[in-house]
Amino acid sequence: MHATLATVYVSMSEEVGTEALIKDALHRQKGLFVPYFNRDEMVMVRIADIADYNNLPVDTYGVRQPRDYLEREDAMTSTGLDLILCPGLGFSKQGHRIGRGKAYYDNYLSKYERSWGSAPYTIALAFSNQILDEVPCTPSDRILDEVITAK
């Protein structure tokens, strides 16, 4: 990962796994943030090191998520981000994505752009069977900069 400050999603079972990428970024002492989800929004909070990541509690969906998010550095209000790795259930080659219906990433990217003047580079990691000719989208959906598969 060439980005200095990045957010990497903590993968769920049906998503491309990110644990090795997270641990590699932390080993290389990159500025790594992970999403924290509450009912209304998502914040990107810093993970200090591998021990910090390993100690994150697992939520009801089986995802590691910091409970102490209010005490952690928030990328939006501190350093900003170079890159966001976005999860999804399906993607088009044009960069549209199907998420889980809460618009967390779309809203975060819009808010980030208003705050910082531009959005970070966005990449989705996808399985080849998640790439579709078209996905439903709305005017408020953000288009990803890149969708990467193993092929």
N, C-alpha and C. Protein backbone atom coordinates (compact mmCIF):
# COMPACT_ATOMS: atom_id res chain seq x y z
N MET A 1 0.86 -1.17 0.00
CA MET A 1 0.00 0.00 0.00
C MET A 1 0.91 1.23 0.00
N HIS A 2 0.75 2.09 -1.00
CA HIS A 2 1.57 3.30 -1.10
C HIS A 2 0.96 4.49 -0.35
N ALA A 3 -0.32 4.42 -0.04
CA ALA A 3 -0.97 5.52 0.68
C ALA A 3 -0.36 5.64 2.07
N THR A 4 -0.27 6.86 2.54
CA THR A 4 0.25 7.11 3.88
C THR A 4 -0.84 7.02 4.93
N LEU A 5 -2.04 7.52 4.58
CA LEU A 5 -3.18 7.53 5.50
C LEU A 5 -4.35 6.85 4.80
N ALA A 6 -4.74 5.69 5.30
CA ALA A 6 -5.77 4.90 4.61
C ALA A 6 -6.79 4.34 5.58
N THR A 7 -8.00 4.16 5.05
CA THR A 7 -9.04 3.42 5.76
C THR A 7 -9.21 2.10 5.05
N VAL A 8 -9.21 1.04 5.81
CA VAL A 8 -9.46 -0.30 5.29
C VAL A 8 -10.65 -0.86 6.05
N TYR A 9 -11.65 -1.33 5.30
CA TYR A 9 -12.80 -1.94 5.95
C TYR A 9 -12.39 -3.24 6.63
N VAL A 10 -13.03 -3.56 7.72
CA VAL A 10 -12.81 -4.83 8.40
C VAL A 10 -13.83 -5.79 7.80
N SER A 11 -13.34 -6.78 7.08
CA SER A 11 -14.20 -7.60 6.23
C SER A 11 -15.15 -8.52 7.00
N MET A 12 -16.30 -8.72 6.36
CA MET A 12 -17.28 -9.70 6.80
C MET A 12 -17.06 -10.94 5.94
N SER A 13 -17.73 -12.03 6.26
CA SER A 13 -17.45 -13.32 5.62
C SER A 13 -17.67 -13.32 4.11
N GLU A 14 -18.61 -12.53 3.58
CA GLU A 14 -18.89 -12.55 2.15
C GLU A 14 -18.11 -11.49 1.37
N GLU A 15 -17.18 -10.83 2.04
CA GLU A 15 -16.37 -9.80 1.40
C GLU A 15 -14.92 -10.27 1.25
N VAL A 16 -14.20 -9.65 0.33
CA VAL A 16 -12.78 -9.95 0.19
C VAL A 16 -12.11 -9.65 1.53
N GLY A 17 -11.37 -10.61 2.03
CA GLY A 17 -10.73 -10.48 3.34
C GLY A 17 -9.69 -9.37 3.38
N THR A 18 -9.67 -8.63 4.48
CA THR A 18 -8.73 -7.51 4.62
C THR A 18 -7.80 -7.64 5.82
N GLU A 19 -7.93 -8.69 6.60
CA GLU A 19 -7.12 -8.78 7.82
C GLU A 19 -5.62 -8.76 7.53
N ALA A 20 -5.17 -9.49 6.52
CA ALA A 20 -3.74 -9.50 6.19
C ALA A 20 -3.28 -8.12 5.72
N LEU A 21 -4.11 -7.44 4.97
CA LEU A 21 -3.79 -6.09 4.51
C LEU A 21 -3.70 -5.12 5.68
N ILE A 22 -4.65 -5.22 6.60
CA ILE A 22 -4.64 -4.38 7.81
C ILE A 22 -3.36 -4.61 8.60
N LYS A 23 -3.04 -5.86 8.85
CA LYS A 23 -1.85 -6.18 9.65
C LYS A 23 -0.57 -5.75 8.94
N ASP A 24 -0.52 -5.89 7.61
CA ASP A 24 0.65 -5.45 6.86
C ASP A 24 0.81 -3.93 6.95
N ALA A 25 -0.29 -3.19 6.80
CA ALA A 25 -0.22 -1.73 6.90
C ALA A 25 0.24 -1.30 8.29
N LEU A 26 -0.26 -1.97 9.31
CA LEU A 26 0.16 -1.64 10.68
C LEU A 26 1.64 -2.00 10.90
N HIS A 27 2.05 -3.14 10.36
CA HIS A 27 3.46 -3.54 10.47
C HIS A 27 4.37 -2.51 9.80
N ARG A 28 3.91 -1.95 8.69
CA ARG A 28 4.68 -0.93 7.96
C ARG A 28 4.51 0.47 8.57
N GLN A 29 3.76 0.55 9.66
CA GLN A 29 3.51 1.79 10.39
C GLN A 29 2.84 2.86 9.54
N LYS A 30 1.89 2.41 8.71
CA LYS A 30 1.05 3.33 7.95
C LYS A 30 0.01 3.92 8.89
N GLY A 31 -0.50 5.07 8.57
CA GLY A 31 -1.62 5.64 9.33
C GLY A 31 -2.88 4.90 8.92
N LEU A 32 -3.33 3.99 9.76
CA LEU A 32 -4.46 3.13 9.40
C LEU A 32 -5.69 3.47 10.22
N PHE A 33 -6.80 3.60 9.52
CA PHE A 33 -8.09 3.87 10.13
C PHE A 33 -9.05 2.76 9.73
N VAL A 34 -10.00 2.47 10.59
CA VAL A 34 -11.06 1.53 10.28
C VAL A 34 -12.40 2.21 10.55
N PRO A 35 -13.45 1.76 9.87
CA PRO A 35 -14.75 2.38 10.11
C PRO A 35 -15.35 1.97 11.44
N TYR A 36 -16.00 2.93 12.06
CA TYR A 36 -16.86 2.65 13.21
C TYR A 36 -18.27 3.07 12.77
N PHE A 37 -19.23 2.17 12.92
CA PHE A 37 -20.60 2.45 12.52
C PHE A 37 -21.48 2.64 13.75
N ASN A 38 -22.23 3.73 13.74
CA ASN A 38 -23.29 3.85 14.71
C ASN A 38 -24.59 3.94 13.91
N ARG A 39 -25.67 4.22 14.53
CA ARG A 39 -26.95 4.19 13.82
C ARG A 39 -27.02 5.18 12.67
N ASP A 40 -26.44 6.35 12.84
CA ASP A 40 -26.63 7.42 11.88
C ASP A 40 -25.47 7.67 10.92
N GLU A 41 -24.29 7.29 11.31
CA GLU A 41 -23.14 7.62 10.47
C GLU A 41 -21.97 6.68 10.71
N MET A 42 -20.95 6.90 9.90
CA MET A 42 -19.72 6.13 10.00
C MET A 42 -18.59 7.13 10.24
N VAL A 43 -17.69 6.78 11.14
CA VAL A 43 -16.48 7.57 11.35
C VAL A 43 -15.28 6.65 11.14
N MET A 44 -14.19 7.23 10.67
CA MET A 44 -12.97 6.47 10.44
C MET A 44 -12.02 6.77 11.60
N VAL A 45 -11.71 5.75 12.39
CA VAL A 45 -10.89 5.94 13.58
C VAL A 45 -9.56 5.20 13.46
N ARG A 46 -8.54 5.81 14.05
CA ARG A 46 -7.17 5.26 13.93
C ARG A 46 -7.01 4.00 14.76
N ILE A 47 -6.26 3.08 14.18
CA ILE A 47 -5.80 1.87 14.87
C ILE A 47 -4.30 2.06 15.08
N ALA A 48 -3.86 1.95 16.31
CA ALA A 48 -2.48 2.29 16.66
C ALA A 48 -1.46 1.26 16.16
N ASP A 49 -1.76 -0.02 16.35
CA ASP A 49 -0.81 -1.06 16.01
C ASP A 49 -1.53 -2.41 15.95
N ILE A 50 -0.79 -3.47 15.69
CA ILE A 50 -1.40 -4.80 15.54
C ILE A 50 -2.07 -5.25 16.84
N ALA A 51 -1.44 -4.97 17.97
CA ALA A 51 -2.06 -5.35 19.25
C ALA A 51 -3.39 -4.63 19.43
N ASP A 52 -3.44 -3.36 19.06
CA ASP A 52 -4.68 -2.59 19.15
C ASP A 52 -5.76 -3.23 18.27
N TYR A 53 -5.39 -3.57 17.04
CA TYR A 53 -6.35 -4.24 16.13
C TYR A 53 -6.81 -5.57 16.72
N ASN A 54 -5.87 -6.38 17.18
CA ASN A 54 -6.23 -7.70 17.73
C ASN A 54 -7.13 -7.60 18.96
N ASN A 55 -7.05 -6.50 19.67
CA ASN A 55 -7.86 -6.31 20.88
C ASN A 55 -9.22 -5.67 20.62
N LEU A 56 -9.51 -5.32 19.37
CA LEU A 56 -10.81 -4.74 19.07
C LEU A 56 -11.90 -5.77 19.35
N PRO A 57 -12.96 -5.38 20.03
CA PRO A 57 -14.05 -6.34 20.28
C PRO A 57 -14.80 -6.66 18.99
N VAL A 58 -15.36 -7.85 18.96
CA VAL A 58 -16.14 -8.30 17.80
C VAL A 58 -17.60 -7.96 18.06
N ASP A 59 -18.23 -7.30 17.07
CA ASP A 59 -19.62 -6.89 17.24
C ASP A 59 -20.58 -8.04 16.89
N THR A 60 -21.86 -7.76 16.89
CA THR A 60 -22.87 -8.80 16.64
C THR A 60 -22.81 -9.36 15.23
N TYR A 61 -22.15 -8.64 14.29
CA TYR A 61 -22.01 -9.12 12.91
C TYR A 61 -20.70 -9.87 12.70
N GLY A 62 -19.93 -10.05 13.78
CA GLY A 62 -18.66 -10.75 13.67
C GLY A 62 -17.52 -9.88 13.17
N VAL A 63 -17.68 -8.56 13.25
CA VAL A 63 -16.67 -7.63 12.75
C VAL A 63 -16.00 -6.93 13.93
N ARG A 64 -14.68 -6.81 13.87
CA ARG A 64 -13.94 -6.07 14.89
C ARG A 64 -14.28 -4.59 14.74
N GLN A 65 -14.70 -3.98 15.83
CA GLN A 65 -15.07 -2.57 15.79
C GLN A 65 -14.75 -1.93 17.14
N PRO A 66 -14.06 -0.79 17.13
CA PRO A 66 -13.71 -0.16 18.41
C PRO A 66 -14.93 0.36 19.15
N ARG A 67 -15.02 0.03 20.42
CA ARG A 67 -16.09 0.58 21.26
C ARG A 67 -15.71 1.97 21.77
N ASP A 68 -14.42 2.22 21.87
CA ASP A 68 -13.93 3.49 22.41
C ASP A 68 -13.70 4.51 21.29
N TYR A 69 -14.55 4.51 20.29
CA TYR A 69 -14.32 5.34 19.11
C TYR A 69 -14.26 6.84 19.43
N LEU A 70 -14.94 7.28 20.46
CA LEU A 70 -14.91 8.70 20.80
C LEU A 70 -13.55 9.13 21.33
N GLU A 71 -12.77 8.19 21.83
CA GLU A 71 -11.45 8.48 22.37
C GLU A 71 -10.35 8.34 21.32
N ARG A 72 -10.71 7.89 20.12
CA ARG A 72 -9.72 7.65 19.07
C ARG A 72 -9.65 8.82 18.10
N GLU A 73 -8.52 8.92 17.43
CA GLU A 73 -8.35 9.93 16.41
C GLU A 73 -9.32 9.68 15.25
N ASP A 74 -10.01 10.70 14.83
CA ASP A 74 -10.97 10.65 13.73
C ASP A 74 -10.31 11.26 12.49
N ALA A 75 -10.22 10.52 11.40
CA ALA A 75 -9.55 11.00 10.19
C ALA A 75 -10.18 12.27 9.64
N MET A 76 -11.49 12.41 9.77
CA MET A 76 -12.18 13.57 9.22
C MET A 76 -11.74 14.87 9.91
N THR A 77 -11.49 14.79 11.19
CA THR A 77 -11.17 16.01 11.94
C THR A 77 -9.69 16.15 12.27
N SER A 78 -8.86 15.22 11.80
CA SER A 78 -7.43 15.32 12.12
C SER A 78 -6.58 15.33 10.86
N THR A 79 -6.17 14.17 10.41
CA THR A 79 -5.15 14.07 9.36
C THR A 79 -5.69 14.02 7.94
N GLY A 80 -6.95 13.64 7.77
CA GLY A 80 -7.46 13.36 6.44
C GLY A 80 -7.03 11.98 5.99
N LEU A 81 -7.35 11.63 4.76
CA LEU A 81 -7.06 10.29 4.22
C LEU A 81 -6.57 10.41 2.78
N ASP A 82 -5.71 9.47 2.37
CA ASP A 82 -5.28 9.35 0.98
C ASP A 82 -6.14 8.34 0.24
N LEU A 83 -6.61 7.32 0.97
CA LEU A 83 -7.25 6.17 0.35
C LEU A 83 -8.32 5.60 1.25
N ILE A 84 -9.42 5.16 0.64
CA ILE A 84 -10.44 4.40 1.36
C ILE A 84 -10.71 3.13 0.57
N LEU A 85 -10.54 1.98 1.21
CA LEU A 85 -10.95 0.71 0.63
C LEU A 85 -12.40 0.49 1.04
N CYS A 86 -13.27 0.35 0.05
CA CYS A 86 -14.71 0.25 0.29
C CYS A 86 -15.20 -1.18 0.08
N PRO A 87 -16.03 -1.67 0.97
CA PRO A 87 -16.62 -2.99 0.78
C PRO A 87 -17.85 -2.87 -0.12
N GLY A 88 -18.40 -3.99 -0.49
CA GLY A 88 -19.63 -3.99 -1.25
C GLY A 88 -20.08 -5.40 -1.55
N LEU A 89 -21.31 -5.51 -1.98
CA LEU A 89 -21.87 -6.82 -2.35
C LEU A 89 -21.81 -7.04 -3.84
N GLY A 90 -21.77 -5.97 -4.62
CA GLY A 90 -21.68 -6.06 -6.07
C GLY A 90 -21.12 -4.76 -6.61
N PHE A 91 -20.49 -4.83 -7.80
CA PHE A 91 -19.84 -3.67 -8.39
C PHE A 91 -19.99 -3.70 -9.90
N SER A 92 -20.05 -2.52 -10.49
CA SER A 92 -19.98 -2.44 -11.95
C SER A 92 -18.54 -2.09 -12.33
N LYS A 93 -18.19 -2.34 -13.59
CA LYS A 93 -16.86 -1.99 -14.06
C LYS A 93 -16.65 -0.48 -14.07
N GLN A 94 -17.75 0.27 -14.07
CA GLN A 94 -17.68 1.73 -14.07
C GLN A 94 -17.48 2.29 -12.66
N GLY A 95 -17.47 1.45 -11.63
CA GLY A 95 -17.20 1.90 -10.28
C GLY A 95 -18.42 2.11 -9.40
N HIS A 96 -19.59 1.72 -9.88
CA HIS A 96 -20.76 1.77 -9.01
C HIS A 96 -20.72 0.57 -8.07
N ARG A 97 -21.29 0.74 -6.88
CA ARG A 97 -21.27 -0.35 -5.92
C ARG A 97 -22.64 -0.54 -5.27
N ILE A 98 -22.88 -1.76 -4.89
CA ILE A 98 -24.05 -2.09 -4.07
C ILE A 98 -23.53 -2.35 -2.68
N GLY A 99 -23.96 -1.54 -1.75
CA GLY A 99 -23.56 -1.72 -0.36
C GLY A 99 -24.65 -2.46 0.40
N ARG A 100 -24.80 -2.11 1.63
CA ARG A 100 -25.79 -2.78 2.48
C ARG A 100 -27.03 -1.91 2.71
N GLY A 101 -27.15 -0.83 1.94
CA GLY A 101 -28.37 -0.04 1.95
C GLY A 101 -28.44 1.11 2.94
N LYS A 102 -27.38 1.36 3.70
CA LYS A 102 -27.41 2.44 4.68
C LYS A 102 -26.70 3.71 4.17
N ALA A 103 -26.05 3.60 3.02
CA ALA A 103 -25.34 4.73 2.39
C ALA A 103 -24.22 5.30 3.27
N TYR A 104 -23.65 4.49 4.15
CA TYR A 104 -22.59 4.97 5.02
C TYR A 104 -21.41 5.54 4.22
N TYR A 105 -20.91 4.78 3.24
CA TYR A 105 -19.75 5.22 2.49
C TYR A 105 -20.08 6.41 1.60
N ASP A 106 -21.23 6.40 0.93
CA ASP A 106 -21.64 7.53 0.11
C ASP A 106 -21.72 8.80 0.95
N ASN A 107 -22.36 8.71 2.09
CA ASN A 107 -22.50 9.88 2.97
C ASN A 107 -21.15 10.34 3.50
N TYR A 108 -20.30 9.39 3.89
CA TYR A 108 -18.99 9.75 4.42
C TYR A 108 -18.17 10.49 3.35
N LEU A 109 -18.17 9.96 2.14
CA LEU A 109 -17.38 10.58 1.08
C LEU A 109 -17.90 11.97 0.74
N SER A 110 -19.20 12.16 0.74
CA SER A 110 -19.77 13.49 0.49
C SER A 110 -19.38 14.46 1.58
N LYS A 111 -19.49 14.02 2.83
CA LYS A 111 -19.13 14.87 3.97
C LYS A 111 -17.63 15.19 3.93
N TYR A 112 -16.82 14.20 3.61
CA TYR A 112 -15.37 14.38 3.53
C TYR A 112 -15.03 15.43 2.47
N GLU A 113 -15.65 15.31 1.32
CA GLU A 113 -15.39 16.24 0.22
C GLU A 113 -15.78 17.68 0.60
N ARG A 114 -16.89 17.83 1.30
CA ARG A 114 -17.30 19.16 1.77
C ARG A 114 -16.28 19.72 2.76
N SER A 115 -15.74 18.86 3.61
CA SER A 115 -14.80 19.29 4.64
C SER A 115 -13.39 19.54 4.10
N TRP A 116 -12.91 18.66 3.22
CA TRP A 116 -11.52 18.71 2.77
C TRP A 116 -11.35 19.26 1.35
N GLY A 117 -12.45 19.45 0.62
CA GLY A 117 -12.35 19.99 -0.74
C GLY A 117 -12.27 18.94 -1.83
N SER A 118 -11.88 17.74 -1.49
CA SER A 118 -11.87 16.62 -2.43
C SER A 118 -11.93 15.33 -1.63
N ALA A 119 -12.36 14.28 -2.30
CA ALA A 119 -12.47 12.97 -1.63
C ALA A 119 -11.18 12.19 -1.78
N PRO A 120 -10.90 11.28 -0.84
CA PRO A 120 -9.74 10.40 -1.01
C PRO A 120 -9.96 9.45 -2.19
N TYR A 121 -8.91 8.86 -2.67
CA TYR A 121 -9.00 7.85 -3.72
C TYR A 121 -9.76 6.65 -3.14
N THR A 122 -10.68 6.10 -3.92
CA THR A 122 -11.51 4.99 -3.43
C THR A 122 -11.30 3.75 -4.28
N ILE A 123 -11.11 2.63 -3.60
CA ILE A 123 -10.91 1.35 -4.27
C ILE A 123 -11.81 0.32 -3.61
N ALA A 124 -12.40 -0.54 -4.43
CA ALA A 124 -13.14 -1.69 -3.91
C ALA A 124 -12.34 -2.95 -4.23
N LEU A 125 -12.28 -3.84 -3.28
CA LEU A 125 -11.73 -5.18 -3.50
C LEU A 125 -12.91 -6.10 -3.74
N ALA A 126 -12.90 -6.82 -4.87
CA ALA A 126 -14.08 -7.61 -5.24
C ALA A 126 -13.69 -9.01 -5.69
N PHE A 127 -14.60 -9.94 -5.44
CA PHE A 127 -14.50 -11.25 -6.06
C PHE A 127 -15.01 -11.10 -7.50
N SER A 128 -14.48 -11.91 -8.42
CA SER A 128 -14.89 -11.76 -9.83
C SER A 128 -16.39 -11.96 -10.02
N ASN A 129 -17.03 -12.79 -9.19
CA ASN A 129 -18.47 -13.00 -9.34
C ASN A 129 -19.29 -11.83 -8.81
N GLN A 130 -18.65 -10.83 -8.21
CA GLN A 130 -19.34 -9.63 -7.75
C GLN A 130 -19.36 -8.53 -8.82
N ILE A 131 -18.65 -8.74 -9.91
CA ILE A 131 -18.62 -7.75 -10.98
C ILE A 131 -19.80 -7.98 -11.91
N LEU A 132 -20.62 -6.95 -12.05
CA LEU A 132 -21.84 -7.02 -12.84
C LEU A 132 -21.78 -5.98 -13.96
N ASP A 133 -22.58 -6.20 -14.99
CA ASP A 133 -22.63 -5.22 -16.08
C ASP A 133 -23.18 -3.89 -15.58
N GLU A 134 -24.20 -3.95 -14.76
CA GLU A 134 -24.81 -2.75 -14.19
C GLU A 134 -25.25 -3.05 -12.77
N VAL A 135 -25.25 -2.02 -11.95
CA VAL A 135 -25.83 -2.11 -10.61
C VAL A 135 -26.77 -0.93 -10.45
N PRO A 136 -27.85 -1.11 -9.69
CA PRO A 136 -28.75 0.02 -9.48
C PRO A 136 -28.03 1.14 -8.74
N CYS A 137 -28.28 2.37 -9.17
CA CYS A 137 -27.64 3.49 -8.50
C CYS A 137 -28.56 4.71 -8.53
N THR A 138 -28.26 5.63 -7.64
CA THR A 138 -29.01 6.88 -7.53
C THR A 138 -28.03 8.04 -7.71
N PRO A 139 -28.54 9.24 -7.92
CA PRO A 139 -27.63 10.38 -8.07
C PRO A 139 -26.72 10.63 -6.86
N SER A 140 -27.12 10.19 -5.68
CA SER A 140 -26.28 10.41 -4.49
C SER A 140 -25.23 9.32 -4.30
N ASP A 141 -25.26 8.26 -5.09
CA ASP A 141 -24.25 7.20 -4.99
C ASP A 141 -22.92 7.70 -5.51
N ARG A 142 -21.87 7.41 -4.78
CA ARG A 142 -20.52 7.81 -5.18
C ARG A 142 -19.92 6.75 -6.09
N ILE A 143 -19.21 7.18 -7.11
CA ILE A 143 -18.54 6.26 -8.03
C ILE A 143 -17.12 6.05 -7.51
N LEU A 144 -16.73 4.78 -7.41
CA LEU A 144 -15.40 4.44 -6.94
C LEU A 144 -14.36 4.74 -8.02
N ASP A 145 -13.15 5.04 -7.60
CA ASP A 145 -12.07 5.30 -8.56
C ASP A 145 -11.59 4.02 -9.21
N GLU A 146 -11.66 2.90 -8.48
CA GLU A 146 -11.14 1.64 -9.00
C GLU A 146 -11.85 0.47 -8.34
N VAL A 147 -12.05 -0.60 -9.12
CA VAL A 147 -12.55 -1.86 -8.59
C VAL A 147 -11.52 -2.92 -8.96
N ILE A 148 -10.99 -3.62 -7.98
CA ILE A 148 -9.92 -4.58 -8.21
C ILE A 148 -10.40 -5.99 -7.89
N THR A 149 -10.12 -6.91 -8.79
CA THR A 149 -10.36 -8.34 -8.56
C THR A 149 -9.02 -9.07 -8.66
N ALA A 150 -9.04 -10.34 -8.33
CA ALA A 150 -7.82 -11.14 -8.41
C ALA A 150 -7.39 -11.37 -9.86
N LYS A 151 -8.31 -11.24 -10.80
CA LYS A 151 -7.95 -11.49 -12.21
C LYS A 151 -7.30 -10.30 -12.85
